[in-house]
Amino acid sequence: MNSEDFVEAIKRYVMDGAIEDTIANLNSPPGRRVHPQERARSDWYNGLSDVERDHVNSAIATAAHSRSTALEHAVLRGASGEVAKP
């Protein structure tokens, strides 16, 4: 597996999973004893209109993509020997 394949796998399995899991947890927090803060976030999220939920989901995806891009740059720079020395 080369660095590009590794980054693509991270995007597919980690980032996309994180987005889906975050949205699913907002929609319906897992567990029998949900922490009050998680319950409050879920209640808030479920009280939003479809358009508002789409905005929140988009913000979650944007944040995940931003971190993924930063990871990609770090991995690819590291693979090419461009890592900054301390």
Protein backbone atom coordinates (compact mmCIF):
# COMPACT_ATOMS: atom_id res chain seq x y z
CA MET A 1 0.00 0.00 0.00
CA ASN A 2 1.47 3.34 -1.00
CA SER A 3 0.80 6.62 0.83
CA GLU A 4 -1.99 7.66 -1.55
CA ASP A 5 -3.79 4.33 -0.98
CA PHE A 6 -3.34 4.76 2.76
CA VAL A 7 -4.84 8.25 2.71
CA GLU A 8 -7.76 7.05 0.59
CA ALA A 9 -8.40 4.21 3.04
CA ILE A 10 -8.34 6.68 5.95
CA LYS A 11 -10.85 8.88 4.15
CA ARG A 12 -13.12 5.98 3.29
CA TYR A 13 -13.12 4.04 6.54
CA VAL A 14 -12.24 6.56 9.24
CA MET A 15 -13.49 9.94 8.08
CA ASP A 16 -16.72 8.77 6.45
CA GLY A 17 -17.38 6.53 9.45
CA ALA A 18 -16.79 9.40 11.85
CA ILE A 19 -19.25 11.59 9.96
CA GLU A 20 -21.91 8.88 9.85
CA ASP A 21 -21.39 7.92 13.52
CA THR A 22 -21.52 11.53 14.71
CA ILE A 23 -24.77 12.18 12.86
CA ALA A 24 -26.26 8.88 14.06
CA ASN A 25 -25.30 9.67 17.67
CA LEU A 26 -26.88 13.12 17.40
CA ASN A 27 -30.02 11.56 16.04
CA SER A 28 -30.19 8.79 18.63
CA PRO A 29 -27.49 8.55 21.30
CA PRO A 30 -26.48 4.96 22.03
CA GLY A 31 -26.82 3.28 25.39
CA ARG A 32 -29.33 2.98 28.17
CA ARG A 33 -27.88 5.72 30.35
CA VAL A 34 -27.23 8.57 27.96
CA HIS A 35 -25.20 11.42 29.44
CA PRO A 36 -27.42 14.49 29.94
CA GLN A 37 -25.27 16.62 27.61
CA GLU A 38 -25.60 14.04 24.83
CA ARG A 39 -29.37 13.85 25.42
CA ALA A 40 -29.62 17.66 25.26
CA ARG A 41 -27.64 17.76 21.99
CA SER A 42 -29.84 15.02 20.55
CA ASP A 43 -33.02 16.79 21.60
CA TRP A 44 -31.72 20.01 20.05
CA TYR A 45 -30.67 18.27 16.82
CA ASN A 46 -33.95 16.41 16.47
CA GLY A 47 -35.84 19.66 17.02
CA LEU A 48 -34.20 21.27 13.99
CA SER A 49 -35.90 21.54 10.64
CA ASP A 50 -34.63 19.35 7.81
CA VAL A 51 -32.77 22.32 6.33
CA GLU A 52 -31.14 23.12 9.67
CA ARG A 53 -30.12 19.47 10.18
CA ASP A 54 -28.60 19.49 6.70
CA HIS A 55 -26.52 22.53 7.71
CA VAL A 56 -25.31 20.80 10.87
CA ASN A 57 -24.51 17.62 8.92
CA SER A 58 -22.61 19.68 6.37
CA ALA A 59 -20.59 21.37 9.12
CA ILE A 60 -19.71 17.96 10.58
CA ALA A 61 -18.59 16.72 7.16
CA THR A 62 -16.59 19.90 6.50
CA ALA A 63 -14.76 19.54 9.82
CA ALA A 64 -13.95 15.89 9.11
CA HIS A 65 -12.77 16.67 5.58
CA SER A 66 -10.59 19.47 6.91
CA ARG A 67 -8.85 17.11 9.34
CA SER A 68 -8.55 14.47 6.65
CA THR A 69 -6.88 16.96 4.31
CA ALA A 70 -4.43 17.94 7.05
CA LEU A 71 -3.64 14.26 7.63
CA GLU A 72 -3.22 13.69 3.91
CA HIS A 73 -0.73 16.54 3.64
CA ALA A 74 1.21 15.28 6.66
CA VAL A 75 1.33 11.68 5.38
CA LEU A 76 2.27 12.61 1.83
CA ARG A 77 4.90 15.12 2.98
CA GLY A 78 6.30 12.52 5.35
CA ALA A 79 6.34 9.89 2.61
CA SER A 80 8.25 12.24 0.32
CA GLY A 81 10.75 13.30 2.98
CA GLU A 82 9.40 16.83 3.32
CA VAL A 83 8.85 16.61 7.07
CA ALA A 84 10.05 19.71 8.91
CA LYS A 85 12.91 19.07 11.28
CA PRO A 86 12.58 20.37 14.88
